[in-house]
């Protein structure tokens, strides 16, 4: 029997025994959320607006690039906030994830749950970025590039 016939016979036998669906099943079992990794650019302007006991002279800016697969890359710049620490993203008053532990300027990337990334991309104005300082926090609402900032 020629090698071509052997290969064809093996493929035909595998298909007849149902190997095709068995091979495809693991790939179909879980949705692939990595397929559409286009990034959404978000930003927030941080001030003490709407915060009781906020840092009155503190201000800053945060830029996020959110990918569908859960990677969030960020840059931030904080001014006039003594002891700036715990730069984090919040929703409904609860912390969702921390971007940076301390510092007035920085950048990086971190992995978040793909559901959180999807929600950030879909409804950025439901999320806030806040940084704490010794004189109080400053925060700002996330918006898509070209949007506006309407505080807490």
N, C-alpha and C. Protein backbone atom coordinates (compact mmCIF):
# COMPACT_ATOMS: atom_id res chain seq x y z
N UNK A 1 0.85 -1.16 0.00
CA UNK A 1 0.00 0.00 0.00
C UNK A 1 0.90 1.23 0.00
N UNK A 2 0.61 2.22 -0.84
CA UNK A 2 1.44 3.41 -0.92
C UNK A 2 1.21 4.30 0.30
N UNK A 3 2.17 5.18 0.55
CA UNK A 3 2.08 6.05 1.72
C UNK A 3 0.92 7.03 1.60
N UNK A 4 0.58 7.46 0.40
CA UNK A 4 -0.55 8.37 0.21
C UNK A 4 -1.85 7.66 0.58
N UNK A 5 -1.99 6.41 0.14
CA UNK A 5 -3.20 5.65 0.50
C UNK A 5 -3.28 5.44 2.01
N UNK A 6 -2.15 5.18 2.65
CA UNK A 6 -2.14 4.98 4.11
C UNK A 6 -2.61 6.24 4.83
N UNK A 7 -2.14 7.39 4.41
CA UNK A 7 -2.53 8.66 5.03
C UNK A 7 -4.02 8.90 4.83
N UNK A 8 -4.49 8.69 3.61
CA UNK A 8 -5.92 8.90 3.33
C UNK A 8 -6.78 7.93 4.12
N UNK A 9 -6.34 6.69 4.21
CA UNK A 9 -7.09 5.70 4.98
C UNK A 9 -7.13 6.07 6.46
N UNK A 10 -6.02 6.56 6.99
CA UNK A 10 -5.97 6.97 8.40
C UNK A 10 -6.92 8.14 8.65
N UNK A 11 -6.95 9.12 7.76
CA UNK A 11 -7.85 10.27 7.90
C UNK A 11 -9.30 9.81 7.82
N UNK A 12 -9.60 8.95 6.84
CA UNK A 12 -10.97 8.45 6.68
C UNK A 12 -11.40 7.64 7.91
N UNK A 13 -10.53 6.80 8.41
CA UNK A 13 -10.86 5.98 9.58
C UNK A 13 -11.08 6.87 10.81
N UNK A 14 -10.22 7.87 10.98
CA UNK A 14 -10.36 8.80 12.11
C UNK A 14 -11.68 9.55 12.05
N UNK A 15 -12.06 10.01 10.86
CA UNK A 15 -13.33 10.72 10.70
C UNK A 15 -14.51 9.79 10.96
N UNK A 16 -14.41 8.55 10.48
CA UNK A 16 -15.50 7.58 10.67
C UNK A 16 -15.68 7.24 12.15
N UNK A 17 -14.60 7.22 12.91
CA UNK A 17 -14.68 6.88 14.32
C UNK A 17 -15.00 8.09 15.20
N UNK A 18 -15.15 9.26 14.60
CA UNK A 18 -15.52 10.44 15.37
C UNK A 18 -14.35 11.18 15.97
N UNK A 19 -13.16 10.98 15.47
CA UNK A 19 -12.00 11.67 16.02
C UNK A 19 -12.05 13.17 15.72
N UNK A 20 -12.69 13.55 14.62
CA UNK A 20 -12.79 14.97 14.27
C UNK A 20 -13.46 15.77 15.36
N UNK A 21 -14.68 15.40 15.80
CA UNK A 21 -15.32 16.15 16.88
C UNK A 21 -14.55 16.07 18.19
N UNK A 22 -13.89 14.95 18.47
CA UNK A 22 -13.14 14.81 19.71
C UNK A 22 -11.95 15.75 19.74
N UNK A 23 -11.34 15.97 18.59
CA UNK A 23 -10.21 16.88 18.51
C UNK A 23 -10.68 18.32 18.60
N UNK A 24 -11.81 18.64 17.99
CA UNK A 24 -12.31 20.00 17.99
C UNK A 24 -12.98 20.39 19.30
N UNK A 25 -13.48 19.45 20.09
CA UNK A 25 -14.23 19.75 21.31
C UNK A 25 -13.46 20.61 22.31
N UNK A 26 -12.20 20.31 22.63
CA UNK A 26 -11.50 21.16 23.59
C UNK A 26 -11.39 22.61 23.13
N UNK A 27 -11.20 22.83 21.85
CA UNK A 27 -11.08 24.19 21.35
C UNK A 27 -12.42 24.92 21.41
N UNK A 28 -13.52 24.18 21.32
CA UNK A 28 -14.83 24.80 21.33
C UNK A 28 -15.41 24.89 22.74
N UNK A 29 -14.83 24.24 23.71
CA UNK A 29 -15.39 24.18 25.05
C UNK A 29 -15.41 25.52 25.77
N UNK A 30 -14.40 26.37 25.58
CA UNK A 30 -14.32 27.65 26.27
C UNK A 30 -14.23 28.75 25.23
N UNK A 31 -15.02 29.81 25.36
CA UNK A 31 -14.93 30.88 24.38
C UNK A 31 -13.54 31.53 24.40
N UNK A 32 -13.07 31.91 23.27
CA UNK A 32 -11.76 32.54 23.16
C UNK A 32 -11.95 34.05 23.25
N UNK A 33 -11.57 34.63 24.38
CA UNK A 33 -11.71 36.06 24.57
C UNK A 33 -10.47 36.81 24.13
N UNK A 34 -9.50 36.09 23.59
CA UNK A 34 -8.28 36.73 23.14
C UNK A 34 -8.34 37.12 21.67
N UNK A 35 -9.39 36.75 20.98
CA UNK A 35 -9.48 36.99 19.56
C UNK A 35 -9.53 38.46 19.19
N UNK A 36 -10.22 39.28 19.99
CA UNK A 36 -10.38 40.68 19.67
C UNK A 36 -9.64 41.48 20.73
N UNK A 37 -8.37 41.74 20.48
CA UNK A 37 -7.55 42.42 21.48
C UNK A 37 -7.32 43.88 21.14
N UNK A 38 -8.23 44.47 20.38
CA UNK A 38 -8.07 45.89 20.12
C UNK A 38 -8.15 46.64 21.44
N UNK A 39 -7.34 47.67 21.58
CA UNK A 39 -7.31 48.37 22.86
C UNK A 39 -8.21 49.59 22.82
N UNK A 40 -8.74 49.92 23.98
CA UNK A 40 -9.55 51.11 24.18
C UNK A 40 -8.74 52.06 25.04
N UNK A 41 -8.61 53.29 24.59
CA UNK A 41 -7.84 54.30 25.31
C UNK A 41 -8.78 55.06 26.24
N UNK A 42 -8.41 55.09 27.53
CA UNK A 42 -9.19 55.78 28.55
C UNK A 42 -8.29 56.75 29.29
N UNK A 43 -8.90 57.74 29.93
CA UNK A 43 -8.13 58.71 30.71
C UNK A 43 -8.97 59.20 31.88
N UNK A 44 -8.30 59.77 32.87
CA UNK A 44 -8.97 60.41 34.01
C UNK A 44 -8.11 61.58 34.47
N UNK A 45 -8.76 62.68 34.79
CA UNK A 45 -8.11 63.84 35.40
C UNK A 45 -8.43 63.77 36.89
N UNK A 46 -7.42 63.73 37.73
CA UNK A 46 -7.61 63.56 39.17
C UNK A 46 -7.53 64.90 39.89
N UNK A 47 -8.56 65.18 40.71
CA UNK A 47 -8.61 66.38 41.54
C UNK A 47 -9.29 66.01 42.85
N UNK A 48 -9.50 67.01 43.71
CA UNK A 48 -10.23 66.77 44.96
C UNK A 48 -11.72 67.06 44.80
N UNK A 49 -12.16 67.34 43.61
CA UNK A 49 -13.56 67.70 43.34
C UNK A 49 -14.51 66.62 43.85
N UNK A 50 -15.46 67.02 44.66
CA UNK A 50 -16.47 66.11 45.17
C UNK A 50 -16.00 65.21 46.30
N UNK A 51 -14.82 65.47 46.86
CA UNK A 51 -14.28 64.62 47.93
C UNK A 51 -14.21 65.44 49.22
N UNK A 52 -14.86 64.97 50.26
CA UNK A 52 -14.68 65.58 51.58
C UNK A 52 -13.28 65.24 52.06
N UNK A 53 -12.56 66.23 52.55
CA UNK A 53 -11.20 66.05 53.06
C UNK A 53 -10.22 65.57 51.99
N UNK A 54 -10.45 65.97 50.74
CA UNK A 54 -9.50 65.64 49.68
C UNK A 54 -8.30 66.58 49.71
N UNK A 55 -7.28 66.25 48.99
CA UNK A 55 -6.07 67.08 48.89
C UNK A 55 -6.38 68.26 47.97
N UNK A 56 -6.56 69.44 48.53
CA UNK A 56 -7.05 70.60 47.79
C UNK A 56 -6.13 71.08 46.67
N UNK A 57 -4.82 70.94 46.85
CA UNK A 57 -3.93 71.40 45.79
C UNK A 57 -3.36 70.26 44.94
N UNK A 58 -3.79 69.04 45.21
CA UNK A 58 -3.31 67.90 44.43
C UNK A 58 -4.06 67.75 43.11
N UNK A 59 -3.37 67.26 42.12
CA UNK A 59 -3.99 66.97 40.82
C UNK A 59 -3.14 65.94 40.09
N UNK A 60 -3.71 65.38 39.05
CA UNK A 60 -2.96 64.39 38.28
C UNK A 60 -3.73 63.91 37.07
N UNK A 61 -3.11 63.03 36.32
CA UNK A 61 -3.72 62.46 35.13
C UNK A 61 -3.30 60.99 35.02
N UNK A 62 -4.22 60.19 34.54
CA UNK A 62 -3.99 58.76 34.33
C UNK A 62 -4.49 58.40 32.94
N UNK A 63 -3.68 57.66 32.20
CA UNK A 63 -4.08 57.13 30.90
C UNK A 63 -4.05 55.62 30.96
N UNK A 64 -5.10 54.99 30.45
CA UNK A 64 -5.18 53.54 30.41
C UNK A 64 -5.36 53.08 28.97
N UNK A 65 -4.78 51.94 28.67
CA UNK A 65 -5.04 51.25 27.41
C UNK A 65 -5.54 49.86 27.81
N UNK A 66 -6.82 49.60 27.55
CA UNK A 66 -7.46 48.37 28.02
C UNK A 66 -7.66 47.44 26.83
N UNK A 67 -7.12 46.23 26.96
CA UNK A 67 -7.29 45.22 25.91
C UNK A 67 -8.32 44.19 26.35
N UNK A 68 -9.00 43.61 25.40
CA UNK A 68 -10.07 42.64 25.68
C UNK A 68 -9.57 41.41 26.43
N UNK A 69 -8.29 41.06 26.28
CA UNK A 69 -7.76 39.87 26.93
C UNK A 69 -7.41 40.11 28.40
N UNK A 70 -7.66 41.32 28.91
CA UNK A 70 -7.44 41.60 30.32
C UNK A 70 -6.19 42.39 30.64
N UNK A 71 -5.38 42.72 29.67
CA UNK A 71 -4.20 43.53 29.96
C UNK A 71 -4.58 44.99 30.00
N UNK A 72 -4.18 45.67 31.08
CA UNK A 72 -4.41 47.09 31.24
C UNK A 72 -3.04 47.74 31.39
N UNK A 73 -2.69 48.58 30.44
CA UNK A 73 -1.43 49.33 30.53
C UNK A 73 -1.77 50.76 30.93
N UNK A 74 -0.89 51.37 31.70
CA UNK A 74 -1.20 52.68 32.27
C UNK A 74 0.04 53.56 32.36
N UNK A 75 -0.20 54.85 32.33
CA UNK A 75 0.78 55.87 32.69
C UNK A 75 0.07 56.83 33.63
N UNK A 76 0.82 57.39 34.56
CA UNK A 76 0.21 58.35 35.48
C UNK A 76 1.21 59.42 35.89
N UNK A 77 0.65 60.57 36.27
CA UNK A 77 1.43 61.72 36.70
C UNK A 77 0.63 62.38 37.80
N UNK A 78 1.19 62.47 39.00
CA UNK A 78 0.51 63.05 40.16
C UNK A 78 1.35 64.23 40.66
N UNK A 79 0.70 65.37 40.94
CA UNK A 79 1.39 66.55 41.44
C UNK A 79 0.78 67.01 42.75
N UNK A 80 1.62 67.53 43.64
CA UNK A 80 1.22 68.15 44.91
C UNK A 80 0.43 67.22 45.82
N UNK A 81 0.70 65.93 45.76
CA UNK A 81 0.10 64.96 46.68
C UNK A 81 1.24 64.35 47.47
N UNK A 82 1.35 64.76 48.74
CA UNK A 82 2.41 64.24 49.59
C UNK A 82 2.14 62.77 49.92
N UNK A 83 3.14 61.94 49.80
CA UNK A 83 3.01 60.53 50.13
C UNK A 83 2.01 59.79 49.23
N UNK A 84 1.99 60.14 47.94
CA UNK A 84 1.05 59.50 47.01
C UNK A 84 1.23 57.98 47.03
N UNK A 85 0.13 57.27 47.27
CA UNK A 85 0.18 55.81 47.31
C UNK A 85 -1.18 55.22 46.94
N UNK A 86 -1.19 53.97 46.61
CA UNK A 86 -2.40 53.20 46.30
C UNK A 86 -3.22 53.83 45.17
N UNK A 87 -2.60 53.93 43.99
CA UNK A 87 -3.32 54.37 42.80
C UNK A 87 -4.15 53.18 42.33
N UNK A 88 -5.48 53.32 42.36
CA UNK A 88 -6.35 52.17 42.10
C UNK A 88 -7.59 52.57 41.30
N UNK A 89 -8.21 51.57 40.68
CA UNK A 89 -9.45 51.73 39.93
C UNK A 89 -10.60 51.22 40.79
N UNK A 90 -11.66 52.03 40.88
CA UNK A 90 -12.83 51.72 41.70
C UNK A 90 -14.09 51.68 40.86
N UNK A 91 -15.07 50.92 41.34
CA UNK A 91 -16.42 50.94 40.77
C UNK A 91 -17.39 50.79 41.93
N UNK A 92 -18.39 51.64 41.96
CA UNK A 92 -19.41 51.61 43.03
C UNK A 92 -18.77 51.68 44.41
N UNK A 93 -17.72 52.47 44.55
CA UNK A 93 -17.08 52.67 45.84
C UNK A 93 -16.16 51.56 46.30
N UNK A 94 -16.04 50.48 45.54
CA UNK A 94 -15.14 49.39 45.97
C UNK A 94 -13.97 49.27 44.99
N UNK A 95 -12.81 48.97 45.54
CA UNK A 95 -11.61 48.85 44.73
C UNK A 95 -11.69 47.62 43.85
N UNK A 96 -11.41 47.80 42.55
CA UNK A 96 -11.40 46.68 41.61
C UNK A 96 -9.98 46.15 41.41
N UNK A 97 -9.01 47.04 41.26
CA UNK A 97 -7.61 46.63 41.14
C UNK A 97 -6.69 47.82 41.34
N UNK A 98 -5.46 47.52 41.78
CA UNK A 98 -4.44 48.54 42.02
C UNK A 98 -3.56 48.67 40.80
N UNK A 99 -3.27 49.91 40.43
CA UNK A 99 -2.33 50.17 39.34
C UNK A 99 -0.91 50.31 39.87
N UNK A 100 -0.73 51.12 40.92
CA UNK A 100 0.61 51.33 41.48
C UNK A 100 0.50 51.49 42.99
N UNK A 101 1.50 51.00 43.70
CA UNK A 101 1.51 51.09 45.16
C UNK A 101 1.92 52.47 45.65
N UNK A 102 2.87 53.11 44.97
CA UNK A 102 3.33 54.42 45.39
C UNK A 102 4.02 55.13 44.24
N UNK A 103 4.23 56.43 44.42
CA UNK A 103 4.94 57.21 43.43
C UNK A 103 4.08 58.27 42.78
N UNK A 104 4.75 59.28 42.25
CA UNK A 104 4.05 60.40 41.61
C UNK A 104 4.06 60.32 40.09
N UNK A 105 4.86 59.43 39.56
CA UNK A 105 4.90 59.26 38.11
C UNK A 105 5.27 57.81 37.83
N UNK A 106 4.68 57.24 36.82
CA UNK A 106 5.01 55.86 36.51
C UNK A 106 4.22 55.31 35.35
N UNK A 107 4.53 54.08 35.02
CA UNK A 107 3.85 53.37 33.95
C UNK A 107 3.99 51.88 34.19
N UNK A 108 3.18 51.11 33.51
CA UNK A 108 3.26 49.66 33.63
C UNK A 108 2.06 48.99 33.01
N UNK A 109 1.99 47.70 33.17
CA UNK A 109 0.86 46.91 32.69
C UNK A 109 0.52 45.89 33.76
N UNK A 110 -0.72 45.52 33.82
CA UNK A 110 -1.14 44.47 34.74
C UNK A 110 -2.31 43.72 34.12
N UNK A 111 -2.44 42.49 34.53
CA UNK A 111 -3.50 41.61 34.02
C UNK A 111 -4.69 41.69 34.98
N UNK A 112 -5.88 41.88 34.42
CA UNK A 112 -7.11 41.85 35.19
C UNK A 112 -8.04 40.81 34.58
N UNK A 113 -9.09 40.49 35.26
CA UNK A 113 -10.09 39.56 34.76
C UNK A 113 -10.65 40.09 33.44
N UNK A 114 -10.86 39.22 32.47
CA UNK A 114 -11.35 39.68 31.16
C UNK A 114 -12.72 40.33 31.27
N UNK A 115 -13.53 39.92 32.26
CA UNK A 115 -14.85 40.55 32.45
C UNK A 115 -14.69 42.00 32.91
N UNK A 116 -13.71 42.24 33.77
CA UNK A 116 -13.44 43.61 34.22
C UNK A 116 -12.94 44.45 33.06
N UNK A 117 -12.06 43.90 32.24
CA UNK A 117 -11.56 44.62 31.07
C UNK A 117 -12.70 44.95 30.12
N UNK A 118 -13.59 44.00 29.89
CA UNK A 118 -14.73 44.22 29.00
C UNK A 118 -15.61 45.34 29.54
N UNK A 119 -15.90 45.32 30.85
CA UNK A 119 -16.75 46.34 31.46
C UNK A 119 -16.07 47.72 31.40
N UNK A 120 -14.76 47.77 31.62
CA UNK A 120 -14.04 49.03 31.50
C UNK A 120 -14.17 49.61 30.09
N UNK A 121 -14.04 48.75 29.09
CA UNK A 121 -14.16 49.19 27.71
C UNK A 121 -15.59 49.64 27.38
N UNK A 122 -16.57 48.94 27.91
CA UNK A 122 -17.97 49.20 27.59
C UNK A 122 -18.52 50.41 28.35
N UNK A 123 -18.21 50.50 29.65
CA UNK A 123 -18.77 51.56 30.50
C UNK A 123 -17.68 52.25 31.31
N UNK A 124 -16.74 52.93 30.67
CA UNK A 124 -15.63 53.53 31.43
C UNK A 124 -16.10 54.57 32.45
N UNK A 125 -17.20 55.27 32.17
CA UNK A 125 -17.66 56.31 33.09
C UNK A 125 -18.23 55.75 34.40
N UNK A 126 -18.33 54.44 34.53
CA UNK A 126 -18.74 53.85 35.80
C UNK A 126 -17.54 53.55 36.71
N UNK A 127 -16.34 53.87 36.23
CA UNK A 127 -15.11 53.59 36.98
C UNK A 127 -14.40 54.89 37.33
N UNK A 128 -13.74 54.87 38.49
CA UNK A 128 -12.96 56.00 38.96
C UNK A 128 -11.54 55.55 39.23
N UNK A 129 -10.61 56.48 39.12
CA UNK A 129 -9.24 56.24 39.52
C UNK A 129 -8.97 57.15 40.71
N UNK A 130 -8.36 56.61 41.75
CA UNK A 130 -8.08 57.39 42.95
C UNK A 130 -6.67 57.10 43.43
N UNK A 131 -6.03 58.14 43.94
CA UNK A 131 -4.74 57.99 44.60
C UNK A 131 -4.87 58.62 45.98
N UNK A 132 -4.35 57.96 46.98
CA UNK A 132 -4.39 58.46 48.35
C UNK A 132 -3.09 59.20 48.67
N UNK A 133 -3.20 60.17 49.56
CA UNK A 133 -2.03 60.92 50.01
C UNK A 133 -2.19 61.28 51.48
N UNK A 134 -1.14 61.82 52.08
CA UNK A 134 -1.20 62.17 53.50
C UNK A 134 -2.20 63.29 53.78
N UNK A 135 -2.47 64.16 52.80
CA UNK A 135 -3.43 65.25 52.97
C UNK A 135 -4.81 64.90 52.40
N UNK A 136 -5.01 63.67 52.01
CA UNK A 136 -6.29 63.23 51.45
C UNK A 136 -6.14 62.71 50.04
N UNK A 137 -7.21 62.12 49.50
CA UNK A 137 -7.15 61.54 48.16
C UNK A 137 -7.51 62.55 47.07
N UNK A 138 -7.18 62.19 45.86
CA UNK A 138 -7.71 62.85 44.67
C UNK A 138 -8.23 61.75 43.76
N UNK A 139 -9.22 62.07 42.95
CA UNK A 139 -9.79 61.05 42.07
C UNK A 139 -10.41 61.68 40.83
N UNK A 140 -10.70 60.83 39.86
CA UNK A 140 -11.35 61.27 38.64
C UNK A 140 -12.03 60.11 37.95
N UNK A 141 -13.09 60.43 37.23
CA UNK A 141 -13.86 59.43 36.49
C UNK A 141 -13.17 59.13 35.17
N UNK A 142 -13.15 57.86 34.80
CA UNK A 142 -12.56 57.47 33.52
C UNK A 142 -13.47 57.90 32.37
N UNK A 143 -12.86 58.25 31.27
CA UNK A 143 -13.59 58.59 30.06
C UNK A 143 -12.78 58.16 28.85
N UNK A 144 -13.47 57.96 27.72
CA UNK A 144 -12.78 57.66 26.48
C UNK A 144 -12.10 58.92 25.99
N UNK A 145 -11.02 58.75 25.23
CA UNK A 145 -10.36 59.94 24.67
C UNK A 145 -11.37 60.80 23.97
N UNK A 146 -11.34 62.09 24.26
CA UNK A 146 -12.30 63.01 23.67
C UNK A 146 -13.50 63.24 24.56
N UNK A 147 -13.58 62.53 25.70
CA UNK A 147 -14.70 62.68 26.62
C UNK A 147 -14.44 63.78 27.63
N UNK A 148 -15.22 63.80 28.69
CA UNK A 148 -15.05 64.81 29.74
C UNK A 148 -14.91 64.16 31.08
N UNK A 149 -14.52 64.95 32.06
CA UNK A 149 -14.33 64.45 33.42
C UNK A 149 -15.40 65.07 34.32
N UNK A 150 -16.21 64.23 34.97
CA UNK A 150 -17.25 64.78 35.82
C UNK A 150 -17.12 64.31 37.27
N UNK A 151 -15.89 64.12 37.73
CA UNK A 151 -15.63 63.85 39.15
C UNK A 151 -16.20 62.54 39.67
N UNK A 152 -16.36 62.47 40.98
CA UNK A 152 -16.81 61.25 41.67
C UNK A 152 -18.24 61.01 41.35
